[in-house]
Amino acid sequence: PMPMLKALAEYADEYGMEAQISLEERMACGIGACLGCICKTKEKDH
């Protein structure tokens, strides 16, 4: 769940660890066409 991933991201940042996180989200098409499942990012999406 997102609260867990957020806490782990903060923990990794605090202790200088790399972190790869898998986001759980409701999806529609599953192939990127509908934009139904998005998350905010620091960089602009191409």
ModelCIF file with pLDDT and N, C-alpha, C, O atoms, coordinates in Angstrom:
data_MODEL
#
_entry.id   MODEL 
#
_entity.id                         1 
_entity.type                       polymer 
_entity.pdbx_number_of_molecules   1 
#
_entity_poly.entity_id                      1 
_entity_poly.type                           'polypeptide(L)' 
_entity_poly.nstd_linkage                   no 
_entity_poly.nstd_monomer                   no 
_entity_poly.pdbx_seq_one_letter_code       PMPMLKALAEYADEYGMEAQISLEERMACGIGACLGCICKTKEKDH 
_entity_poly.pdbx_seq_one_letter_code_can   PMPMLKALAEYADEYGMEAQISLEERMACGIGACLGCICKTKEKDH 
_entity_poly.pdbx_strand_id                 A 
#
loop_
_entity_poly_seq.entity_id 
_entity_poly_seq.num 
_entity_poly_seq.mon_id 
_entity_poly_seq.hetero 
1 1  PRO n 
1 2  MET n 
1 3  PRO n 
1 4  MET n 
1 5  LEU n 
1 6  LYS n 
1 7  ALA n 
1 8  LEU n 
1 9  ALA n 
1 10 GLU n 
1 11 TYR n 
1 12 ALA n 
1 13 ASP n 
1 14 GLU n 
1 15 TYR n 
1 16 GLY n 
1 17 MET n 
1 18 GLU n 
1 19 ALA n 
1 20 GLN n 
1 21 ILE n 
1 22 SER n 
1 23 LEU n 
1 24 GLU n 
1 25 GLU n 
1 26 ARG n 
1 27 MET n 
1 28 ALA n 
1 29 CYS n 
1 30 GLY n 
1 31 ILE n 
1 32 GLY n 
1 33 ALA n 
1 34 CYS n 
1 35 LEU n 
1 36 GLY n 
1 37 CYS n 
1 38 ILE n 
1 39 CYS n 
1 40 LYS n 
1 41 THR n 
1 42 LYS n 
1 43 GLU n 
1 44 LYS n 
1 45 ASP n 
1 46 HIS n 
#
_struct_asym.id          A 
_struct_asym.entity_id   1 
#
loop_
_ma_qa_metric.id 
_ma_qa_metric.mode 
_ma_qa_metric.name 
_ma_qa_metric.software_group_id 
_ma_qa_metric.type 
1 global pLDDT . pLDDT 
2 local  pLDDT . pLDDT 
#
_ma_qa_metric_global.metric_id      1 
_ma_qa_metric_global.metric_value   79.50 
_ma_qa_metric_global.model_id       1 
_ma_qa_metric_global.ordinal_id     1 
#
loop_
_ma_qa_metric_local.label_asym_id 
_ma_qa_metric_local.label_comp_id 
_ma_qa_metric_local.label_seq_id 
_ma_qa_metric_local.metric_id 
_ma_qa_metric_local.metric_value 
_ma_qa_metric_local.model_id 
_ma_qa_metric_local.ordinal_id 
A PRO 1  2 93.00 1 1  
A MET 2  2 92.00 1 2  
A PRO 3  2 94.00 1 3  
A MET 4  2 96.00 1 4  
A LEU 5  2 96.00 1 5  
A LYS 6  2 95.00 1 6  
A ALA 7  2 97.00 1 7  
A LEU 8  2 98.00 1 8  
A ALA 9  2 97.00 1 9  
A GLU 10 2 97.00 1 10 
A TYR 11 2 98.00 1 11 
A ALA 12 2 98.00 1 12 
A ASP 13 2 96.00 1 13 
A GLU 14 2 97.00 1 14 
A TYR 15 2 96.00 1 15 
A GLY 16 2 97.00 1 16 
A MET 17 2 98.00 1 17 
A GLU 18 2 98.00 1 18 
A ALA 19 2 98.00 1 19 
A GLN 20 2 98.00 1 20 
A ILE 21 2 97.00 1 21 
A SER 22 2 95.00 1 22 
A LEU 23 2 90.00 1 23 
A GLU 24 2 74.00 1 24 
A GLU 25 2 61.00 1 25 
A ARG 26 2 63.00 1 26 
A MET 27 2 58.00 1 27 
A ALA 28 2 58.00 1 28 
A CYS 29 2 59.00 1 29 
A GLY 30 2 59.00 1 30 
A ILE 31 2 63.00 1 31 
A GLY 32 2 58.00 1 32 
A ALA 33 2 62.00 1 33 
A CYS 34 2 59.00 1 34 
A LEU 35 2 60.00 1 35 
A GLY 36 2 60.00 1 36 
A CYS 37 2 65.00 1 37 
A ILE 38 2 63.00 1 38 
A CYS 39 2 70.00 1 39 
A LYS 40 2 69.00 1 40 
A THR 41 2 72.00 1 41 
A LYS 42 2 63.00 1 42 
A GLU 43 2 67.00 1 43 
A LYS 44 2 60.00 1 44 
A ASP 45 2 60.00 1 45 
A HIS 46 2 63.00 1 46 
#
loop_
_atom_site.group_PDB 
_atom_site.id 
_atom_site.type_symbol 
_atom_site.label_atom_id 
_atom_site.label_alt_id 
_atom_site.label_comp_id 
_atom_site.label_asym_id 
_atom_site.label_entity_id 
_atom_site.label_seq_id 
_atom_site.pdbx_PDB_ins_code 
_atom_site.Cartn_x 
_atom_site.Cartn_y 
_atom_site.Cartn_z 
_atom_site.occupancy 
_atom_site.B_iso_or_equiv 
_atom_site.pdbx_formal_charge 
_atom_site.auth_seq_id 
_atom_site.auth_comp_id 
_atom_site.auth_asym_id 
_atom_site.auth_atom_id 
_atom_site.pdbx_PDB_model_num 
ATOM 1   N N  . PRO A 1 1  ? 0.824  -1.212 0.000   1.00 93.00 ? 1  PRO A N  1 
ATOM 2   C CA . PRO A 1 1  ? 0.000  0.000  0.000   1.00 93.00 ? 1  PRO A CA 1 
ATOM 3   C C  . PRO A 1 1  ? 0.859  1.263  0.000   1.00 93.00 ? 1  PRO A C  1 
ATOM 4   O O  . PRO A 1 1  ? 1.995  1.261  0.475   1.00 93.00 ? 1  PRO A O  1 
ATOM 5   N N  . MET A 1 2  ? 0.294  2.333  -0.541  1.00 92.00 ? 2  MET A N  1 
ATOM 6   C CA . MET A 1 2  ? 1.054  3.574  -0.717  1.00 92.00 ? 2  MET A CA 1 
ATOM 7   C C  . MET A 1 2  ? 1.652  4.133  0.581   1.00 92.00 ? 2  MET A C  1 
ATOM 8   O O  . MET A 1 2  ? 2.800  4.574  0.555   1.00 92.00 ? 2  MET A O  1 
ATOM 9   N N  . PRO A 1 3  ? 0.935  4.137  1.712   1.00 94.00 ? 3  PRO A N  1 
ATOM 10  C CA . PRO A 1 3  ? 1.567  4.645  2.936   1.00 94.00 ? 3  PRO A CA 1 
ATOM 11  C C  . PRO A 1 3  ? 2.835  3.871  3.307   1.00 94.00 ? 3  PRO A C  1 
ATOM 12  O O  . PRO A 1 3  ? 3.803  4.463  3.784   1.00 94.00 ? 3  PRO A O  1 
ATOM 13  N N  . MET A 1 4  ? 2.833  2.562  3.091   1.00 96.00 ? 4  MET A N  1 
ATOM 14  C CA . MET A 1 4  ? 4.019  1.750  3.360   1.00 96.00 ? 4  MET A CA 1 
ATOM 15  C C  . MET A 1 4  ? 5.160  2.132  2.436   1.00 96.00 ? 4  MET A C  1 
ATOM 16  O O  . MET A 1 4  ? 6.301  2.270  2.877   1.00 96.00 ? 4  MET A O  1 
ATOM 17  N N  . LEU A 1 5  ? 4.856  2.305  1.152   1.00 96.00 ? 5  LEU A N  1 
ATOM 18  C CA . LEU A 1 5  ? 5.896  2.654  0.184   1.00 96.00 ? 5  LEU A CA 1 
ATOM 19  C C  . LEU A 1 5  ? 6.475  4.040  0.471   1.00 96.00 ? 5  LEU A C  1 
ATOM 20  O O  . LEU A 1 5  ? 7.679  4.258  0.331   1.00 96.00 ? 5  LEU A O  1 
ATOM 21  N N  . LYS A 1 6  ? 5.621  4.961  0.869   1.00 95.00 ? 6  LYS A N  1 
ATOM 22  C CA . LYS A 1 6  ? 6.098  6.299  1.221   1.00 95.00 ? 6  LYS A CA 1 
ATOM 23  C C  . LYS A 1 6  ? 7.051  6.236  2.410   1.00 95.00 ? 6  LYS A C  1 
ATOM 24  O O  . LYS A 1 6  ? 8.101  6.879  2.408   1.00 95.00 ? 6  LYS A O  1 
ATOM 25  N N  . ALA A 1 7  ? 6.680  5.458  3.423   1.00 97.00 ? 7  ALA A N  1 
ATOM 26  C CA . ALA A 1 7  ? 7.536  5.323  4.608   1.00 97.00 ? 7  ALA A CA 1 
ATOM 27  C C  . ALA A 1 7  ? 8.868  4.680  4.250   1.00 97.00 ? 7  ALA A C  1 
ATOM 28  O O  . ALA A 1 7  ? 9.910  5.080  4.770   1.00 97.00 ? 7  ALA A O  1 
ATOM 29  N N  . LEU A 1 8  ? 8.843  3.689  3.368   1.00 98.00 ? 8  LEU A N  1 
ATOM 30  C CA . LEU A 1 8  ? 10.086 3.034  2.954   1.00 98.00 ? 8  LEU A CA 1 
ATOM 31  C C  . LEU A 1 8  ? 10.962 3.959  2.114   1.00 98.00 ? 8  LEU A C  1 
ATOM 32  O O  . LEU A 1 8  ? 12.188 3.925  2.225   1.00 98.00 ? 8  LEU A O  1 
ATOM 33  N N  . ALA A 1 9  ? 10.334 4.790  1.268   1.00 97.00 ? 9  ALA A N  1 
ATOM 34  C CA . ALA A 1 9  ? 11.100 5.750  0.473   1.00 97.00 ? 9  ALA A CA 1 
ATOM 35  C C  . ALA A 1 9  ? 11.812 6.742  1.389   1.00 97.00 ? 9  ALA A C  1 
ATOM 36  O O  . ALA A 1 9  ? 12.971 7.085  1.160   1.00 97.00 ? 9  ALA A O  1 
ATOM 37  N N  . GLU A 1 10 ? 11.113 7.200  2.424   1.00 97.00 ? 10 GLU A N  1 
ATOM 38  C CA . GLU A 1 10 ? 11.713 8.133  3.385   1.00 97.00 ? 10 GLU A CA 1 
ATOM 39  C C  . GLU A 1 10 ? 12.816 7.458  4.186   1.00 97.00 ? 10 GLU A C  1 
ATOM 40  O O  . GLU A 1 10 ? 13.847 8.064  4.477   1.00 97.00 ? 10 GLU A O  1 
ATOM 41  N N  . TYR A 1 11 ? 12.589 6.193  4.540   1.00 98.00 ? 11 TYR A N  1 
ATOM 42  C CA . TYR A 1 11 ? 13.601 5.432  5.280   1.00 98.00 ? 11 TYR A CA 1 
ATOM 43  C C  . TYR A 1 11 ? 14.857 5.242  4.432   1.00 98.00 ? 11 TYR A C  1 
ATOM 44  O O  . TYR A 1 11 ? 15.974 5.421  4.918   1.00 98.00 ? 11 TYR A O  1 
ATOM 45  N N  . ALA A 1 12 ? 14.669 4.881  3.170   1.00 98.00 ? 12 ALA A N  1 
ATOM 46  C CA . ALA A 1 12 ? 15.805 4.677  2.269   1.00 98.00 ? 12 ALA A CA 1 
ATOM 47  C C  . ALA A 1 12 ? 16.589 5.964  2.078   1.00 98.00 ? 12 ALA A C  1 
ATOM 48  O O  . ALA A 1 12 ? 17.820 5.953  2.055   1.00 98.00 ? 12 ALA A O  1 
ATOM 49  N N  . ASP A 1 13 ? 15.879 7.062  1.940   1.00 96.00 ? 13 ASP A N  1 
ATOM 50  C CA . ASP A 1 13 ? 16.548 8.355  1.773   1.00 96.00 ? 13 ASP A CA 1 
ATOM 51  C C  . ASP A 1 13 ? 17.344 8.722  3.017   1.00 96.00 ? 13 ASP A C  1 
ATOM 52  O O  . ASP A 1 13 ? 18.459 9.236  2.923   1.00 96.00 ? 13 ASP A O  1 
ATOM 53  N N  . GLU A 1 14 ? 16.767 8.456  4.179   1.00 97.00 ? 14 GLU A N  1 
ATOM 54  C CA . GLU A 1 14 ? 17.441 8.781  5.444   1.00 97.00 ? 14 GLU A CA 1 
ATOM 55  C C  . GLU A 1 14 ? 18.730 7.992  5.621   1.00 97.00 ? 14 GLU A C  1 
ATOM 56  O O  . GLU A 1 14 ? 19.722 8.510  6.135   1.00 97.00 ? 14 GLU A O  1 
ATOM 57  N N  . TYR A 1 15 ? 18.706 6.718  5.183   1.00 96.00 ? 15 TYR A N  1 
ATOM 58  C CA . TYR A 1 15 ? 19.869 5.855  5.404   1.00 96.00 ? 15 TYR A CA 1 
ATOM 59  C C  . TYR A 1 15 ? 20.722 5.665  4.146   1.00 96.00 ? 15 TYR A C  1 
ATOM 60  O O  . TYR A 1 15 ? 21.588 4.791  4.115   1.00 96.00 ? 15 TYR A O  1 
ATOM 61  N N  . GLY A 1 16 ? 20.488 6.465  3.124   1.00 97.00 ? 16 GLY A N  1 
ATOM 62  C CA . GLY A 1 16 ? 21.316 6.414  1.924   1.00 97.00 ? 16 GLY A CA 1 
ATOM 63  C C  . GLY A 1 16 ? 21.193 5.119  1.148   1.00 97.00 ? 16 GLY A C  1 
ATOM 64  O O  . GLY A 1 16 ? 22.175 4.637  0.583   1.00 97.00 ? 16 GLY A O  1 
ATOM 65  N N  . MET A 1 17 ? 19.998 4.553  1.116   1.00 98.00 ? 17 MET A N  1 
ATOM 66  C CA . MET A 1 17 ? 19.769 3.294  0.409   1.00 98.00 ? 17 MET A CA 1 
ATOM 67  C C  . MET A 1 17 ? 19.030 3.543  -0.905  1.00 98.00 ? 17 MET A C  1 
ATOM 68  O O  . MET A 1 17 ? 18.222 4.465  -1.009  1.00 98.00 ? 17 MET A O  1 
ATOM 69  N N  . GLU A 1 18 ? 19.313 2.721  -1.891  1.00 98.00 ? 18 GLU A N  1 
ATOM 70  C CA . GLU A 1 18 ? 18.521 2.734  -3.112  1.00 98.00 ? 18 GLU A CA 1 
ATOM 71  C C  . GLU A 1 18 ? 17.189 2.054  -2.811  1.00 98.00 ? 18 GLU A C  1 
ATOM 72  O O  . GLU A 1 18 ? 17.128 1.169  -1.958  1.00 98.00 ? 18 GLU A O  1 
ATOM 73  N N  . ALA A 1 19 ? 16.126 2.455  -3.499  1.00 98.00 ? 19 ALA A N  1 
ATOM 74  C CA . ALA A 1 19 ? 14.825 1.815  -3.284  1.00 98.00 ? 19 ALA A CA 1 
ATOM 75  C C  . ALA A 1 19 ? 14.067 1.719  -4.593  1.00 98.00 ? 19 ALA A C  1 
ATOM 76  O O  . ALA A 1 19 ? 13.903 2.708  -5.308  1.00 98.00 ? 19 ALA A O  1 
ATOM 77  N N  . GLN A 1 20 ? 13.606 0.512  -4.898  1.00 98.00 ? 20 GLN A N  1 
ATOM 78  C CA . GLN A 1 20 ? 12.717 0.271  -6.026  1.00 98.00 ? 20 GLN A CA 1 
ATOM 79  C C  . GLN A 1 20 ? 11.360 -0.122 -5.464  1.00 98.00 ? 20 GLN A C  1 
ATOM 80  O O  . GLN A 1 20 ? 11.255 -1.061 -4.675  1.00 98.00 ? 20 GLN A O  1 
ATOM 81  N N  . ILE A 1 21 ? 10.312 0.605  -5.875  1.00 97.00 ? 21 ILE A N  1 
ATOM 82  C CA . ILE A 1 21 ? 8.985  0.361  -5.320  1.00 97.00 ? 21 ILE A CA 1 
ATOM 83  C C  . ILE A 1 21 ? 8.000  0.020  -6.434  1.00 97.00 ? 21 ILE A C  1 
ATOM 84  O O  . ILE A 1 21 ? 8.026  0.619  -7.509  1.00 97.00 ? 21 ILE A O  1 
ATOM 85  N N  . SER A 1 22 ? 7.135  -0.949 -6.159  1.00 95.00 ? 22 SER A N  1 
ATOM 86  C CA . SER A 1 22 ? 6.098  -1.350 -7.106  1.00 95.00 ? 22 SER A CA 1 
ATOM 87  C C  . SER A 1 22 ? 4.767  -0.789 -6.626  1.00 95.00 ? 22 SER A C  1 
ATOM 88  O O  . SER A 1 22 ? 4.293  -1.123 -5.540  1.00 95.00 ? 22 SER A O  1 
ATOM 89  N N  . LEU A 1 23 ? 4.169  0.073  -7.453  1.00 90.00 ? 23 LEU A N  1 
ATOM 90  C CA . LEU A 1 23 ? 2.947  0.768  -7.065  1.00 90.00 ? 23 LEU A CA 1 
ATOM 91  C C  . LEU A 1 23 ? 1.715  -0.069 -7.384  1.00 90.00 ? 23 LEU A C  1 
ATOM 92  O O  . LEU A 1 23 ? 1.598  -0.632 -8.473  1.00 90.00 ? 23 LEU A O  1 
ATOM 93  N N  . GLU A 1 24 ? 0.807  -0.144 -6.433  1.00 74.00 ? 24 GLU A N  1 
ATOM 94  C CA . GLU A 1 24 ? -0.468 -0.824 -6.643  1.00 74.00 ? 24 GLU A CA 1 
ATOM 95  C C  . GLU A 1 24 ? -1.492 0.221  -7.033  1.00 74.00 ? 24 GLU A C  1 
ATOM 96  O O  . GLU A 1 24 ? -1.661 1.218  -6.331  1.00 74.00 ? 24 GLU A O  1 
ATOM 97  N N  . GLU A 1 25 ? -2.170 0.007  -8.130  1.00 61.00 ? 25 GLU A N  1 
ATOM 98  C CA . GLU A 1 25 ? -3.143 0.983  -8.612  1.00 61.00 ? 25 GLU A CA 1 
ATOM 99  C C  . GLU A 1 25 ? -4.187 0.277  -9.461  1.00 61.00 ? 25 GLU A C  1 
ATOM 100 O O  . GLU A 1 25 ? -3.882 -0.702 -10.141 1.00 61.00 ? 25 GLU A O  1 
ATOM 101 N N  . ARG A 1 26 ? -5.415 0.772  -9.422  1.00 63.00 ? 26 ARG A N  1 
ATOM 102 C CA . ARG A 1 26 ? -6.444 0.246  -10.318 1.00 63.00 ? 26 ARG A CA 1 
ATOM 103 C C  . ARG A 1 26 ? -6.064 0.598  -11.751 1.00 63.00 ? 26 ARG A C  1 
ATOM 104 O O  . ARG A 1 26 ? -5.637 1.716  -12.037 1.00 63.00 ? 26 ARG A O  1 
ATOM 105 N N  . MET A 1 27 ? -6.226 -0.368 -12.640 1.00 58.00 ? 27 MET A N  1 
ATOM 106 C CA . MET A 1 27 ? -5.855 -0.164 -14.036 1.00 58.00 ? 27 MET A CA 1 
ATOM 107 C C  . MET A 1 27 ? -7.029 -0.507 -14.937 1.00 58.00 ? 27 MET A C  1 
ATOM 108 O O  . MET A 1 27 ? -7.895 -1.305 -14.576 1.00 58.00 ? 27 MET A O  1 
ATOM 109 N N  . ALA A 1 28 ? -7.047 0.105  -16.110 1.00 58.00 ? 28 ALA A N  1 
ATOM 110 C CA . ALA A 1 28 ? -8.100 -0.179 -17.088 1.00 58.00 ? 28 ALA A CA 1 
ATOM 111 C C  . ALA A 1 28 ? -7.514 -0.954 -18.262 1.00 58.00 ? 28 ALA A C  1 
ATOM 112 O O  . ALA A 1 28 ? -7.704 -2.166 -18.363 1.00 58.00 ? 28 ALA A O  1 
ATOM 113 N N  . CYS A 1 29 ? -6.802 -0.262 -19.147 1.00 59.00 ? 29 CYS A N  1 
ATOM 114 C CA . CYS A 1 29 ? -6.297 -0.955 -20.337 1.00 59.00 ? 29 CYS A CA 1 
ATOM 115 C C  . CYS A 1 29 ? -5.098 -1.844 -20.042 1.00 59.00 ? 29 CYS A C  1 
ATOM 116 O O  . CYS A 1 29 ? -4.956 -2.904 -20.652 1.00 59.00 ? 29 CYS A O  1 
ATOM 117 N N  . GLY A 1 30 ? -4.226 -1.431 -19.108 1.00 59.00 ? 30 GLY A N  1 
ATOM 118 C CA . GLY A 1 30 ? -3.038 -2.203 -18.763 1.00 59.00 ? 30 GLY A CA 1 
ATOM 119 C C  . GLY A 1 30 ? -1.869 -2.018 -19.700 1.00 59.00 ? 30 GLY A C  1 
ATOM 120 O O  . GLY A 1 30 ? -0.812 -2.610 -19.482 1.00 59.00 ? 30 GLY A O  1 
ATOM 121 N N  . ILE A 1 31 ? -2.027 -1.200 -20.756 1.00 63.00 ? 31 ILE A N  1 
ATOM 122 C CA . ILE A 1 31 ? -0.954 -1.033 -21.748 1.00 63.00 ? 31 ILE A CA 1 
ATOM 123 C C  . ILE A 1 31 ? -0.581 0.427  -21.962 1.00 63.00 ? 31 ILE A C  1 
ATOM 124 O O  . ILE A 1 31 ? 0.158  0.738  -22.895 1.00 63.00 ? 31 ILE A O  1 
ATOM 125 N N  . GLY A 1 32 ? -1.074 1.329  -21.121 1.00 58.00 ? 32 GLY A N  1 
ATOM 126 C CA . GLY A 1 32 ? -0.648 2.719  -21.183 1.00 58.00 ? 32 GLY A CA 1 
ATOM 127 C C  . GLY A 1 32 ? -1.438 3.619  -22.101 1.00 58.00 ? 32 GLY A C  1 
ATOM 128 O O  . GLY A 1 32 ? -1.049 4.769  -22.305 1.00 58.00 ? 32 GLY A O  1 
ATOM 129 N N  . ALA A 1 33 ? -2.535 3.140  -22.665 1.00 62.00 ? 33 ALA A N  1 
ATOM 130 C CA . ALA A 1 33 ? -3.275 3.934  -23.638 1.00 62.00 ? 33 ALA A CA 1 
ATOM 131 C C  . ALA A 1 33 ? -4.306 4.864  -23.014 1.00 62.00 ? 33 ALA A C  1 
ATOM 132 O O  . ALA A 1 33 ? -4.566 5.945  -23.543 1.00 62.00 ? 33 ALA A O  1 
ATOM 133 N N  . CYS A 1 34 ? -4.898 4.452  -21.891 1.00 59.00 ? 34 CYS A N  1 
ATOM 134 C CA . CYS A 1 34 ? -6.053 5.192  -21.372 1.00 59.00 ? 34 CYS A CA 1 
ATOM 135 C C  . CYS A 1 34 ? -5.694 6.254  -20.335 1.00 59.00 ? 34 CYS A C  1 
ATOM 136 O O  . CYS A 1 34 ? -6.523 7.108  -20.022 1.00 59.00 ? 34 CYS A O  1 
ATOM 137 N N  . LEU A 1 35 ? -4.492 6.218  -19.805 1.00 60.00 ? 35 LEU A N  1 
ATOM 138 C CA . LEU A 1 35 ? -4.045 7.148  -18.757 1.00 60.00 ? 35 LEU A CA 1 
ATOM 139 C C  . LEU A 1 35 ? -4.906 7.050  -17.499 1.00 60.00 ? 35 LEU A C  1 
ATOM 140 O O  . LEU A 1 35 ? -5.044 8.021  -16.754 1.00 60.00 ? 35 LEU A O  1 
ATOM 141 N N  . GLY A 1 36 ? -5.477 5.885  -17.273 1.00 60.00 ? 36 GLY A N  1 
ATOM 142 C CA . GLY A 1 36 ? -6.328 5.686  -16.115 1.00 60.00 ? 36 GLY A CA 1 
ATOM 143 C C  . GLY A 1 36 ? -5.571 5.438  -14.825 1.00 60.00 ? 36 GLY A C  1 
ATOM 144 O O  . GLY A 1 36 ? -6.131 5.599  -13.740 1.00 60.00 ? 36 GLY A O  1 
ATOM 145 N N  . CYS A 1 37 ? -4.316 5.051  -14.921 1.00 65.00 ? 37 CYS A N  1 
ATOM 146 C CA . CYS A 1 37 ? -3.506 4.798  -13.725 1.00 65.00 ? 37 CYS A CA 1 
ATOM 147 C C  . CYS A 1 37 ? -2.232 5.627  -13.812 1.00 65.00 ? 37 CYS A C  1 
ATOM 148 O O  . CYS A 1 37 ? -1.299 5.273  -14.532 1.00 65.00 ? 37 CYS A O  1 
ATOM 149 N N  . ILE A 1 38 ? -2.201 6.712  -13.088 1.00 63.00 ? 38 ILE A N  1 
ATOM 150 C CA . ILE A 1 38 ? -1.025 7.574  -13.115 1.00 63.00 ? 38 ILE A CA 1 
ATOM 151 C C  . ILE A 1 38 ? -0.587 7.893  -11.692 1.00 63.00 ? 38 ILE A C  1 
ATOM 152 O O  . ILE A 1 38 ? -1.371 7.794  -10.748 1.00 63.00 ? 38 ILE A O  1 
ATOM 153 N N  . CYS A 1 39 ? 0.678  8.277  -11.554 1.00 70.00 ? 39 CYS A N  1 
ATOM 154 C CA . CYS A 1 39 ? 1.169  8.780  -10.282 1.00 70.00 ? 39 CYS A CA 1 
ATOM 155 C C  . CYS A 1 39 ? 2.003  10.025 -10.562 1.00 70.00 ? 39 CYS A C  1 
ATOM 156 O O  . CYS A 1 39 ? 2.532  10.197 -11.660 1.00 70.00 ? 39 CYS A O  1 
ATOM 157 N N  . LYS A 1 40 ? 2.114  10.880 -9.565  1.00 69.00 ? 40 LYS A N  1 
ATOM 158 C CA . LYS A 1 40 ? 2.895  12.104 -9.715  1.00 69.00 ? 40 LYS A CA 1 
ATOM 159 C C  . LYS A 1 40 ? 4.382  11.775 -9.663  1.00 69.00 ? 40 LYS A C  1 
ATOM 160 O O  . LYS A 1 40 ? 4.822  10.931 -8.882  1.00 69.00 ? 40 LYS A O  1 
ATOM 161 N N  . THR A 1 41 ? 5.145  12.461 -10.512 1.00 72.00 ? 41 THR A N  1 
ATOM 162 C CA . THR A 1 41 ? 6.591  12.250 -10.567 1.00 72.00 ? 41 THR A CA 1 
ATOM 163 C C  . THR A 1 41 ? 7.328  13.580 -10.548 1.00 72.00 ? 41 THR A C  1 
ATOM 164 O O  . THR A 1 41 ? 6.746  14.628 -10.828 1.00 72.00 ? 41 THR A O  1 
ATOM 165 N N  . LYS A 1 42 ? 8.602  13.527 -10.218 1.00 63.00 ? 42 LYS A N  1 
ATOM 166 C CA . LYS A 1 42 ? 9.408  14.740 -10.167 1.00 63.00 ? 42 LYS A CA 1 
ATOM 167 C C  . LYS A 1 42 ? 9.776  15.230 -11.564 1.00 63.00 ? 42 LYS A C  1 
ATOM 168 O O  . LYS A 1 42 ? 9.952  16.429 -11.781 1.00 63.00 ? 42 LYS A O  1 
ATOM 169 N N  . GLU A 1 43 ? 9.891  14.298 -12.511 1.00 67.00 ? 43 GLU A N  1 
ATOM 170 C CA . GLU A 1 43 ? 10.228 14.657 -13.885 1.00 67.00 ? 43 GLU A CA 1 
ATOM 171 C C  . GLU A 1 43 ? 8.982  14.594 -14.763 1.00 67.00 ? 43 GLU A C  1 
ATOM 172 O O  . GLU A 1 43 ? 8.027  13.880 -14.455 1.00 67.00 ? 43 GLU A O  1 
ATOM 173 N N  . LYS A 1 44 ? 9.004  15.348 -15.857 1.00 60.00 ? 44 LYS A N  1 
ATOM 174 C CA . LYS A 1 44 ? 7.882  15.321 -16.798 1.00 60.00 ? 44 LYS A CA 1 
ATOM 175 C C  . LYS A 1 44 ? 7.882  14.014 -17.582 1.00 60.00 ? 44 LYS A C  1 
ATOM 176 O O  . LYS A 1 44 ? 8.932  13.518 -17.991 1.00 60.00 ? 44 LYS A O  1 
ATOM 177 N N  . ASP A 1 45 ? 6.692  13.470 -17.782 1.00 60.00 ? 45 ASP A N  1 
ATOM 178 C CA . ASP A 1 45 ? 6.533  12.250 -18.559 1.00 60.00 ? 45 ASP A CA 1 
ATOM 179 C C  . ASP A 1 45 ? 6.653  12.570 -20.050 1.00 60.00 ? 45 ASP A C  1 
ATOM 180 O O  . ASP A 1 45 ? 6.060  13.538 -20.527 1.00 60.00 ? 45 ASP A O  1 
ATOM 181 N N  . HIS A 1 46 ? 7.415  11.762 -20.783 1.00 63.00 ? 46 HIS A N  1 
ATOM 182 C CA . HIS A 1 46 ? 7.618  12.020 -22.206 1.00 63.00 ? 46 HIS A CA 1 
ATOM 183 C C  . HIS A 1 46 ? 6.337  11.847 -23.009 1.00 63.00 ? 46 HIS A C  1 
ATOM 184 O O  . HIS A 1 46 ? 6.341  12.029 -24.226 1.00 63.00 ? 46 HIS A O  1 
#
